[in-house]
Amino acid sequence: MIKSFSVSSGSANDFIQKVTDSLSGRELGKIASVSLSGENVIITFSKLGKSEVIFNLNKETNGFKCTHLSEKISFTHKAFRSDIEGKLSKVLESNGAKVEI
C-alpha cells in the first residue's frame, strides 16, 4: 500500500497533469487515473470493478505531501493490488514524487 507521496516543488495540479500524461502512454493508463477533489488526491482503478484510494493533500513550502486517508478496493482488484501499486509508484517517482510504501 502506498502510505504517502511527496513532491518537493510545484503544484498538485501540475503534478497530476504530468502523471496523467505519463499514464496515457502505458497499459496502466487504461485502468488508472489520478484526480484532485478539494483537498484530496484520488487514484481510481476501473476495470472489472472500481477501486479508489484517497490521499489527503497537504501543501508545503515548495511542494506538497499526500497521505493515505481511505480506500475502497473492489474484490476483483485485491489480487492485483500489489502489482498495480508497484507500477503506479514507478510512475509517481518518474514524475518527481518520493513514495513511501
N, C-alpha and C. Protein backbone atom coordinates (compact mmCIF):
# COMPACT_ATOMS: atom_id res chain seq x y z
N MET A 1 0.84 -1.19 0.00
CA MET A 1 0.00 0.00 0.00
C MET A 1 0.88 1.25 0.00
N ILE A 2 0.51 2.21 -0.79
CA ILE A 2 1.20 3.50 -0.79
C ILE A 2 0.69 4.28 0.43
N LYS A 3 1.59 4.55 1.38
CA LYS A 3 1.21 5.28 2.59
C LYS A 3 1.16 6.78 2.32
N SER A 4 2.12 7.26 1.53
CA SER A 4 2.16 8.69 1.20
C SER A 4 3.09 8.90 0.03
N PHE A 5 2.98 10.08 -0.56
CA PHE A 5 3.95 10.51 -1.55
C PHE A 5 4.08 12.02 -1.46
N SER A 6 5.27 12.51 -1.74
CA SER A 6 5.50 13.95 -1.64
C SER A 6 6.28 14.43 -2.86
N VAL A 7 6.07 15.69 -3.17
CA VAL A 7 6.74 16.35 -4.28
C VAL A 7 7.36 17.62 -3.73
N SER A 8 8.65 17.81 -3.98
CA SER A 8 9.37 18.91 -3.33
C SER A 8 9.16 20.26 -3.99
N SER A 9 8.66 20.29 -5.22
CA SER A 9 8.39 21.59 -5.85
C SER A 9 7.25 21.46 -6.84
N GLY A 10 6.53 22.54 -7.03
CA GLY A 10 5.42 22.57 -7.97
C GLY A 10 4.08 22.37 -7.28
N SER A 11 3.05 22.51 -8.07
CA SER A 11 1.68 22.39 -7.53
C SER A 11 1.14 20.99 -7.76
N ALA A 12 0.13 20.66 -6.99
CA ALA A 12 -0.53 19.36 -7.14
C ALA A 12 -1.18 19.26 -8.52
N ASN A 13 -1.77 20.34 -9.00
CA ASN A 13 -2.40 20.33 -10.33
C ASN A 13 -1.39 20.00 -11.41
N ASP A 14 -0.22 20.64 -11.36
CA ASP A 14 0.82 20.37 -12.37
C ASP A 14 1.29 18.92 -12.29
N PHE A 15 1.48 18.43 -11.08
CA PHE A 15 1.94 17.06 -10.90
C PHE A 15 0.91 16.07 -11.44
N ILE A 16 -0.36 16.28 -11.10
CA ILE A 16 -1.41 15.38 -11.57
C ILE A 16 -1.48 15.38 -13.09
N GLN A 17 -1.28 16.52 -13.71
CA GLN A 17 -1.28 16.59 -15.17
C GLN A 17 -0.12 15.78 -15.75
N LYS A 18 1.07 15.90 -15.13
CA LYS A 18 2.23 15.14 -15.60
C LYS A 18 2.01 13.64 -15.44
N VAL A 19 1.44 13.23 -14.32
CA VAL A 19 1.16 11.81 -14.09
C VAL A 19 0.12 11.31 -15.10
N THR A 20 -0.91 12.10 -15.34
CA THR A 20 -1.94 11.73 -16.31
C THR A 20 -1.33 11.55 -17.70
N ASP A 21 -0.45 12.47 -18.08
CA ASP A 21 0.23 12.36 -19.37
C ASP A 21 1.08 11.10 -19.44
N SER A 22 1.79 10.79 -18.36
CA SER A 22 2.62 9.58 -18.31
C SER A 22 1.77 8.31 -18.40
N LEU A 23 0.64 8.31 -17.71
CA LEU A 23 -0.23 7.14 -17.73
C LEU A 23 -0.84 6.90 -19.11
N SER A 24 -1.09 7.97 -19.85
CA SER A 24 -1.77 7.84 -21.14
C SER A 24 -0.96 7.01 -22.14
N GLY A 25 0.33 6.93 -21.96
CA GLY A 25 1.16 6.15 -22.88
C GLY A 25 1.46 4.75 -22.39
N ARG A 26 0.80 4.29 -21.35
CA ARG A 26 1.07 2.97 -20.75
C ARG A 26 -0.21 2.14 -20.64
N GLU A 27 -0.03 0.84 -20.52
CA GLU A 27 -1.16 -0.05 -20.27
C GLU A 27 -1.90 0.34 -19.00
N LEU A 28 -1.12 0.74 -17.97
CA LEU A 28 -1.71 1.13 -16.70
C LEU A 28 -2.72 2.27 -16.88
N GLY A 29 -2.47 3.15 -17.85
CA GLY A 29 -3.35 4.28 -18.11
C GLY A 29 -4.74 3.88 -18.57
N LYS A 30 -4.89 2.64 -19.02
CA LYS A 30 -6.21 2.16 -19.44
C LYS A 30 -7.12 1.87 -18.26
N ILE A 31 -6.51 1.66 -17.08
CA ILE A 31 -7.32 1.33 -15.91
C ILE A 31 -7.15 2.29 -14.74
N ALA A 32 -6.10 3.12 -14.77
CA ALA A 32 -5.81 4.01 -13.63
C ALA A 32 -5.92 5.47 -14.02
N SER A 33 -6.41 6.26 -13.09
CA SER A 33 -6.47 7.72 -13.29
C SER A 33 -6.22 8.41 -11.95
N VAL A 34 -5.76 9.65 -12.04
CA VAL A 34 -5.47 10.45 -10.84
C VAL A 34 -6.22 11.76 -10.99
N SER A 35 -6.89 12.18 -9.92
CA SER A 35 -7.65 13.43 -9.97
C SER A 35 -7.55 14.17 -8.63
N LEU A 36 -7.93 15.43 -8.67
CA LEU A 36 -7.93 16.28 -7.48
C LEU A 36 -9.37 16.64 -7.17
N SER A 37 -9.76 16.44 -5.91
CA SER A 37 -11.11 16.79 -5.48
C SER A 37 -10.99 17.51 -4.14
N GLY A 38 -11.10 18.82 -4.17
CA GLY A 38 -10.95 19.61 -2.95
C GLY A 38 -9.54 19.46 -2.41
N GLU A 39 -9.42 18.97 -1.18
CA GLU A 39 -8.11 18.77 -0.55
C GLU A 39 -7.66 17.31 -0.62
N ASN A 40 -8.22 16.59 -1.57
CA ASN A 40 -7.87 15.17 -1.72
C ASN A 40 -7.38 14.85 -3.13
N VAL A 41 -6.41 13.96 -3.20
CA VAL A 41 -5.97 13.38 -4.46
C VAL A 41 -6.56 11.98 -4.50
N ILE A 42 -7.24 11.65 -5.59
CA ILE A 42 -7.93 10.37 -5.70
C ILE A 42 -7.33 9.58 -6.86
N ILE A 43 -6.90 8.36 -6.54
CA ILE A 43 -6.41 7.44 -7.56
C ILE A 43 -7.51 6.41 -7.76
N THR A 44 -7.96 6.29 -9.01
CA THR A 44 -9.08 5.41 -9.34
C THR A 44 -8.61 4.32 -10.29
N PHE A 45 -9.02 3.09 -10.02
CA PHE A 45 -8.77 1.96 -10.90
C PHE A 45 -10.12 1.45 -11.38
N SER A 46 -10.30 1.38 -12.69
CA SER A 46 -11.59 0.97 -13.25
C SER A 46 -11.39 -0.10 -14.31
N LYS A 47 -11.67 -1.32 -13.97
CA LYS A 47 -11.72 -2.45 -14.90
C LYS A 47 -12.19 -3.63 -14.08
N LEU A 48 -13.27 -4.23 -14.48
CA LEU A 48 -13.87 -5.31 -13.70
C LEU A 48 -14.15 -4.88 -12.27
N GLY A 49 -14.68 -3.69 -12.13
CA GLY A 49 -14.95 -3.11 -10.81
C GLY A 49 -14.29 -1.74 -10.72
N LYS A 50 -14.53 -1.07 -9.62
CA LYS A 50 -13.96 0.26 -9.41
C LYS A 50 -13.36 0.33 -8.01
N SER A 51 -12.12 0.79 -7.94
CA SER A 51 -11.44 0.99 -6.67
C SER A 51 -10.97 2.43 -6.59
N GLU A 52 -10.99 2.99 -5.38
CA GLU A 52 -10.49 4.35 -5.16
C GLU A 52 -9.59 4.36 -3.94
N VAL A 53 -8.45 5.05 -4.09
CA VAL A 53 -7.56 5.28 -2.97
C VAL A 53 -7.48 6.79 -2.81
N ILE A 54 -7.81 7.28 -1.62
CA ILE A 54 -7.90 8.72 -1.38
C ILE A 54 -6.76 9.17 -0.48
N PHE A 55 -6.08 10.22 -0.91
CA PHE A 55 -4.97 10.81 -0.17
C PHE A 55 -5.32 12.23 0.21
N ASN A 56 -5.00 12.61 1.45
CA ASN A 56 -5.20 13.98 1.91
C ASN A 56 -4.03 14.82 1.42
N LEU A 57 -4.31 15.93 0.77
CA LEU A 57 -3.30 16.82 0.20
C LEU A 57 -2.92 17.89 1.22
N ASN A 58 -1.63 17.97 1.53
CA ASN A 58 -1.11 19.00 2.42
C ASN A 58 -0.06 19.81 1.68
N LYS A 59 -0.32 21.09 1.52
CA LYS A 59 0.64 21.96 0.85
C LYS A 59 1.81 22.23 1.78
N GLU A 60 3.01 22.21 1.22
CA GLU A 60 4.22 22.50 1.97
C GLU A 60 4.89 23.73 1.36
N THR A 61 6.02 24.14 1.92
CA THR A 61 6.68 25.37 1.49
C THR A 61 6.83 25.46 -0.03
N ASN A 62 7.42 24.44 -0.63
CA ASN A 62 7.65 24.50 -2.08
C ASN A 62 6.87 23.46 -2.87
N GLY A 63 6.28 22.52 -2.19
CA GLY A 63 5.59 21.44 -2.87
C GLY A 63 4.38 20.98 -2.09
N PHE A 64 4.21 19.67 -1.98
CA PHE A 64 3.06 19.14 -1.25
C PHE A 64 3.33 17.69 -0.85
N LYS A 65 2.51 17.21 0.09
CA LYS A 65 2.57 15.82 0.52
C LYS A 65 1.15 15.26 0.54
N CYS A 66 1.00 14.04 0.06
CA CYS A 66 -0.29 13.37 0.07
C CYS A 66 -0.18 12.14 0.98
N THR A 67 -1.08 12.07 1.96
CA THR A 67 -1.07 11.00 2.95
C THR A 67 -2.33 10.16 2.80
N HIS A 68 -2.16 8.83 2.82
CA HIS A 68 -3.29 7.91 2.67
C HIS A 68 -4.39 8.25 3.67
N LEU A 69 -5.59 8.42 3.19
CA LEU A 69 -6.73 8.78 4.02
C LEU A 69 -7.73 7.62 4.11
N SER A 70 -8.12 7.10 2.96
CA SER A 70 -9.08 5.99 2.93
C SER A 70 -9.02 5.29 1.58
N GLU A 71 -9.73 4.20 1.50
CA GLU A 71 -9.77 3.46 0.24
C GLU A 71 -11.00 2.58 0.17
N LYS A 72 -11.42 2.31 -1.06
CA LYS A 72 -12.48 1.35 -1.36
C LYS A 72 -11.90 0.48 -2.47
N ILE A 73 -11.55 -0.75 -2.13
CA ILE A 73 -10.93 -1.66 -3.10
C ILE A 73 -11.93 -2.71 -3.53
N SER A 74 -12.15 -2.80 -4.83
CA SER A 74 -13.05 -3.80 -5.39
C SER A 74 -12.50 -5.20 -5.12
N PHE A 75 -13.38 -6.13 -4.86
CA PHE A 75 -12.98 -7.51 -4.61
C PHE A 75 -12.13 -8.05 -5.76
N THR A 76 -12.50 -7.70 -6.99
CA THR A 76 -11.77 -8.20 -8.16
C THR A 76 -10.38 -7.59 -8.30
N HIS A 77 -10.09 -6.52 -7.61
CA HIS A 77 -8.78 -5.86 -7.70
C HIS A 77 -7.80 -6.32 -6.62
N LYS A 78 -8.30 -6.94 -5.56
CA LYS A 78 -7.44 -7.27 -4.42
C LYS A 78 -6.25 -8.15 -4.81
N ALA A 79 -6.44 -9.09 -5.71
CA ALA A 79 -5.36 -9.99 -6.10
C ALA A 79 -4.26 -9.27 -6.88
N PHE A 80 -4.59 -8.19 -7.55
CA PHE A 80 -3.64 -7.47 -8.39
C PHE A 80 -3.10 -6.20 -7.75
N ARG A 81 -3.54 -5.91 -6.55
CA ARG A 81 -3.21 -4.64 -5.90
C ARG A 81 -1.72 -4.37 -5.81
N SER A 82 -0.97 -5.32 -5.33
CA SER A 82 0.47 -5.14 -5.14
C SER A 82 1.17 -4.79 -6.46
N ASP A 83 0.84 -5.52 -7.51
CA ASP A 83 1.46 -5.29 -8.82
C ASP A 83 1.09 -3.91 -9.37
N ILE A 84 -0.18 -3.57 -9.30
CA ILE A 84 -0.64 -2.29 -9.84
C ILE A 84 -0.06 -1.12 -9.04
N GLU A 85 -0.04 -1.22 -7.72
CA GLU A 85 0.53 -0.14 -6.90
C GLU A 85 2.03 0.00 -7.15
N GLY A 86 2.72 -1.11 -7.40
CA GLY A 86 4.15 -1.04 -7.72
C GLY A 86 4.38 -0.27 -9.01
N LYS A 87 3.57 -0.55 -10.02
CA LYS A 87 3.68 0.17 -11.30
C LYS A 87 3.32 1.64 -11.13
N LEU A 88 2.27 1.90 -10.36
CA LEU A 88 1.86 3.29 -10.13
C LEU A 88 2.94 4.05 -9.36
N SER A 89 3.56 3.42 -8.39
CA SER A 89 4.65 4.06 -7.63
C SER A 89 5.77 4.50 -8.57
N LYS A 90 6.10 3.65 -9.54
CA LYS A 90 7.16 3.99 -10.50
C LYS A 90 6.76 5.20 -11.35
N VAL A 91 5.50 5.28 -11.72
CA VAL A 91 5.02 6.44 -12.49
C VAL A 91 5.10 7.71 -11.64
N LEU A 92 4.67 7.62 -10.39
CA LEU A 92 4.74 8.78 -9.49
C LEU A 92 6.19 9.23 -9.32
N GLU A 93 7.09 8.26 -9.10
CA GLU A 93 8.51 8.59 -8.91
C GLU A 93 9.13 9.17 -10.18
N SER A 94 8.74 8.67 -11.33
CA SER A 94 9.30 9.18 -12.59
C SER A 94 8.88 10.63 -12.84
N ASN A 95 7.85 11.09 -12.13
CA ASN A 95 7.38 12.46 -12.27
C ASN A 95 7.78 13.33 -11.08
N GLY A 96 8.73 12.84 -10.28
CA GLY A 96 9.32 13.66 -9.22
C GLY A 96 8.84 13.41 -7.80
N ALA A 97 8.00 12.39 -7.60
CA ALA A 97 7.49 12.12 -6.26
C ALA A 97 8.42 11.19 -5.49
N LYS A 98 8.42 11.38 -4.18
CA LYS A 98 9.06 10.44 -3.27
C LYS A 98 7.93 9.64 -2.65
N VAL A 99 7.93 8.31 -2.88
CA VAL A 99 6.83 7.45 -2.45
C VAL A 99 7.24 6.66 -1.20
N GLU A 100 6.33 6.62 -0.21
CA GLU A 100 6.53 5.81 0.98
C GLU A 100 5.52 4.67 0.95
N ILE A 101 6.05 3.45 0.99
CA ILE A 101 5.18 2.26 0.93
C ILE A 101 5.14 1.59 2.28
